[in-house]
C-alpha atoms as a PDB file:
ATOM      1  CA  UNK A   1      92.753 128.643  74.635  1.00  0.00           C
ATOM      2  CA  UNK A   2      92.286 125.655  77.013  1.00  0.00           C
ATOM      3  CA  UNK A   3      90.310 125.843  80.233  1.00  0.00           C
ATOM      4  CA  UNK A   4      92.274 125.967  83.444  1.00  0.00           C
ATOM      5  CA  UNK A   5      91.482 122.856  85.480  1.00  0.00           C
ATOM      6  CA  UNK A   6      90.236 123.626  88.976  1.00  0.00           C
ATOM      7  CA  UNK A   7      90.766 121.222  91.854  1.00  0.00           C
ATOM      8  CA  UNK A   8      88.166 120.373  94.456  1.00  0.00           C
ATOM      9  CA  UNK A   9      90.242 122.160  97.089  1.00  0.00           C
ATOM     10  CA  UNK A  10      90.337 125.358  95.013  1.00  0.00           C
ATOM     11  CA  UNK A  11      86.562 125.256  94.585  1.00  0.00           C
ATOM     12  CA  UNK A  12      86.015 124.801  98.324  1.00  0.00           C
ATOM     13  CA  UNK A  13      88.347 127.711  99.128  1.00  0.00           C
ATOM     14  CA  UNK A  14      86.582 129.900  96.577  1.00  0.00           C
ATOM     15  CA  UNK A  15      83.205 128.918  98.052  1.00  0.00           C
ATOM     16  CA  UNK A  16      84.276 129.738 101.624  1.00  0.00           C
ATOM     17  CA  UNK A  17      85.799 133.071 100.616  1.00  0.00           C
ATOM     18  CA  UNK A  18      82.620 134.087  98.776  1.00  0.00           C
ATOM     19  CA  UNK A  19      80.470 132.940 101.704  1.00  0.00           C
ATOM     20  CA  UNK A  20      82.517 135.082 104.089  1.00  0.00           C
ATOM     21  CA  UNK A  21      82.331 138.119 101.795  1.00  0.00           C
ATOM     22  CA  UNK A  22      78.584 138.643 102.466  1.00  0.00           C
ATOM     23  CA  UNK A  23      78.014 139.472  98.774  1.00  0.00           C
ATOM     24  CA  UNK A  24      75.834 136.386  98.278  1.00  0.00           C
ATOM     25  CA  UNK A  25      73.415 134.438 100.411  1.00  0.00           C
ATOM     26  CA  UNK A  26      74.437 130.930 101.348  1.00  0.00           C
ATOM     27  CA  UNK A  27      71.539 129.532  99.337  1.00  0.00           C
ATOM     28  CA  UNK A  28      72.711 131.367  96.202  1.00  0.00           C
ATOM     29  CA  UNK A  29      76.247 130.056  96.624  1.00  0.00           C
ATOM     30  CA  UNK A  30      75.015 126.516  97.209  1.00  0.00           C
ATOM     31  CA  UNK A  31      73.040 126.647  93.969  1.00  0.00           C
ATOM     32  CA  UNK A  32      75.977 128.164  92.086  1.00  0.00           C
ATOM     33  CA  UNK A  33      78.462 125.553  93.329  1.00  0.00           C
ATOM     34  CA  UNK A  34      76.019 122.639  93.260  1.00  0.00           C
ATOM     35  CA  UNK A  35      76.367 121.673  96.929  1.00  0.00           C
ATOM     36  CA  UNK A  36      73.846 121.203  99.707  1.00  0.00           C
ATOM     37  CA  UNK A  37      73.544 123.669 102.567  1.00  0.00           C
ATOM     38  CA  UNK A  38      74.627 120.899 104.932  1.00  0.00           C
ATOM     39  CA  UNK A  39      77.896 120.558 102.997  1.00  0.00           C
ATOM     40  CA  UNK A  40      78.291 124.334 102.936  1.00  0.00           C
ATOM     41  CA  UNK A  41      77.920 124.604 106.701  1.00  0.00           C
ATOM     42  CA  UNK A  42      80.388 121.726 107.128  1.00  0.00           C
ATOM     43  CA  UNK A  43      83.052 123.546 105.109  1.00  0.00           C
ATOM     44  CA  UNK A  44      82.387 126.866 106.839  1.00  0.00           C
ATOM     45  CA  UNK A  45      82.688 125.236 110.274  1.00  0.00           C
ATOM     46  CA  UNK A  46      85.944 123.526 109.291  1.00  0.00           C
ATOM     47  CA  UNK A  47      87.327 126.819 107.999  1.00  0.00           C
ATOM     48  CA  UNK A  48      86.416 128.640 111.207  1.00  0.00           C
ATOM     49  CA  UNK A  49      87.925 125.882 113.353  1.00  0.00           C
ATOM     50  CA  UNK A  50      91.166 125.167 111.447  1.00  0.00           C
ATOM     51  CA  UNK A  51      91.561 127.811 108.745  1.00  0.00           C
ATOM     52  CA  UNK A  52      92.659 126.700 105.271  1.00  0.00           C
ATOM     53  CA  UNK A  53      94.109 123.480 106.694  1.00  0.00           C
ATOM     54  CA  UNK A  54      90.608 122.440 107.770  1.00  0.00           C
ATOM     55  CA  UNK A  55      89.351 122.590 104.187  1.00  0.00           C
ATOM     56  CA  UNK A  56      91.582 119.786 102.930  1.00  0.00           C
ATOM     57  CA  UNK A  57      89.753 116.739 101.626  1.00  0.00           C
ATOM     58  CA  UNK A  58      89.699 114.143 104.390  1.00  0.00           C
ATOM     59  CA  UNK A  59      89.905 110.406 104.054  1.00  0.00           C
ATOM     60  CA  UNK A  60      86.875 108.339 105.046  1.00  0.00           C
ATOM     61  CA  UNK A  61      89.093 105.469 106.115  1.00  0.00           C
ATOM     62  CA  UNK A  62      88.680 104.534 109.788  1.00  0.00           C
ATOM     63  CA  UNK A  63      91.510 105.581 112.085  1.00  0.00           C
ATOM     64  CA  UNK A  64      91.647 102.118 113.620  1.00  0.00           C
ATOM     65  CA  UNK A  65      90.210  98.671 112.910  1.00  0.00           C
ATOM     66  CA  UNK A  66      89.074  96.984 116.132  1.00  0.00           C
ATOM     67  CA  UNK A  67      88.214  93.751 114.289  1.00  0.00           C
ATOM     68  CA  UNK A  68      91.647  93.418 112.676  1.00  0.00           C
ATOM     69  CA  UNK A  69      93.348  90.037 113.078  1.00  0.00           C
ATOM     70  CA  UNK A  70      96.237  90.087 115.556  1.00  0.00           C
ATOM     71  CA  UNK A  71      99.705  90.127 114.020  1.00  0.00           C
ATOM     72  CA  UNK A  72     100.620  86.935 115.941  1.00  0.00           C
ATOM     73  CA  UNK A  73      97.655  85.046 114.477  1.00  0.00           C
ATOM     74  CA  UNK A  74      98.415  86.407 111.019  1.00  0.00           C
ATOM     75  CA  UNK A  75     102.004  85.163 111.357  1.00  0.00           C
ATOM     76  CA  UNK A  76     100.729  81.689 112.351  1.00  0.00           C
ATOM     77  CA  UNK A  77      98.417  81.590 109.330  1.00  0.00           C
ATOM     78  CA  UNK A  78     101.177  82.585 106.918  1.00  0.00           C
ATOM     79  CA  UNK A  79     103.642  80.137 108.508  1.00  0.00           C
ATOM     80  CA  UNK A  80     101.183  77.241 108.093  1.00  0.00           C
ATOM     81  CA  UNK A  81     100.509  78.311 104.534  1.00  0.00           C
ATOM     82  CA  UNK A  82     104.243  78.346 103.714  1.00  0.00           C
ATOM     83  CA  UNK A  83     104.701  74.907 105.279  1.00  0.00           C
ATOM     84  CA  UNK A  84     101.666  73.397 103.544  1.00  0.00           C
ATOM     85  CA  UNK A  85     101.114  75.241 100.281  1.00  0.00           C
ATOM     86  CA  UNK A  86      98.283  72.977  99.149  1.00  0.00           C
ATOM     87  CA  UNK A  87      96.197  73.532 102.283  1.00  0.00           C
ATOM     88  CA  UNK A  88      93.229  75.825 102.104  1.00  0.00           C
ATOM     89  CA  UNK A  89      91.649  78.077 104.705  1.00  0.00           C
ATOM     90  CA  UNK A  90      89.418  75.355 106.212  1.00  0.00           C
ATOM     91  CA  UNK A  91      92.304  73.052 107.023  1.00  0.00           C
ATOM     92  CA  UNK A  92      94.441  75.887 108.362  1.00  0.00           C
ATOM     93  CA  UNK A  93      91.532  76.951 110.583  1.00  0.00           C
ATOM     94  CA  UNK A  94      91.383  73.446 112.093  1.00  0.00           C
ATOM     95  CA  UNK A  95      95.167  73.420 112.623  1.00  0.00           C
ATOM     96  CA  UNK A  96      94.982  76.784 114.388  1.00  0.00           C
ATOM     97  CA  UNK A  97      92.448  75.283 116.815  1.00  0.00           C
ATOM     98  CA  UNK A  98      94.118  71.929 117.414  1.00  0.00           C
ATOM     99  CA  UNK A  99      97.849  72.530 117.053  1.00  0.00           C
ATOM    100  CA  UNK A 100      98.085  76.151 118.206  1.00  0.00           C
ATOM    101  CA  UNK A 101      95.238  76.129 120.757  1.00  0.00           C
ATOM    102  CA  UNK A 102      93.257  79.079 119.433  1.00  0.00           C
ATOM    103  CA  UNK A 103      89.776  78.905 120.948  1.00  0.00           C
ATOM    104  CA  UNK A 104      88.281  81.308 118.398  1.00  0.00           C
ATOM    105  CA  UNK A 105      90.329  81.175 115.183  1.00  0.00           C
ATOM    106  CA  UNK A 106      89.534  83.620 112.380  1.00  0.00           C
ATOM    107  CA  UNK A 107      86.865  82.721 109.851  1.00  0.00           C
ATOM    108  CA  UNK A 108      87.892  80.842 106.708  1.00  0.00           C
ATOM    109  CA  UNK A 109      87.235  83.941 104.626  1.00  0.00           C
ATOM    110  CA  UNK A 110      89.626  85.916 106.836  1.00  0.00           C
ATOM    111  CA  UNK A 111      92.296  83.235 106.633  1.00  0.00           C
ATOM    112  CA  UNK A 112      91.929  83.031 102.853  1.00  0.00           C
ATOM    113  CA  UNK A 113      92.234  86.791 102.594  1.00  0.00           C
ATOM    114  CA  UNK A 114      95.884  86.655 103.632  1.00  0.00           C
ATOM    115  CA  UNK A 115      96.964  85.238 100.264  1.00  0.00           C
ATOM    116  CA  UNK A 116      95.596  85.730  96.751  1.00  0.00           C
ATOM    117  CA  UNK A 117      93.581  83.153  94.853  1.00  0.00           C
ATOM    118  CA  UNK A 118      91.571  81.736  97.768  1.00  0.00           C
ATOM    119  CA  UNK A 119      88.797  82.750 100.126  1.00  0.00           C
END
């Protein structure tokens, strides 16, 4: 008979339910589930604040990227690249300064990141 696979979410829910049952100490549950007490308190706080919805695994991706290149500048870079397919990031950076008047164009590595095979 095969084992039933258990998801991370199911384990977290089981942990929180056992922690709220007062049958075990938090330290015992942490040892049993292989998590730190800091992680245990994090899950318990999320459960108290948002219920089961708060226990969902959250992304670590930032909500916004303040250093992201403006869409207008990105469009200029891609337009120059389409016009001059043999040009690399260094030349496009110079063109952005001279032809388009950008006082602080993106770095060559940023420019090269807009198409594969260069950077």
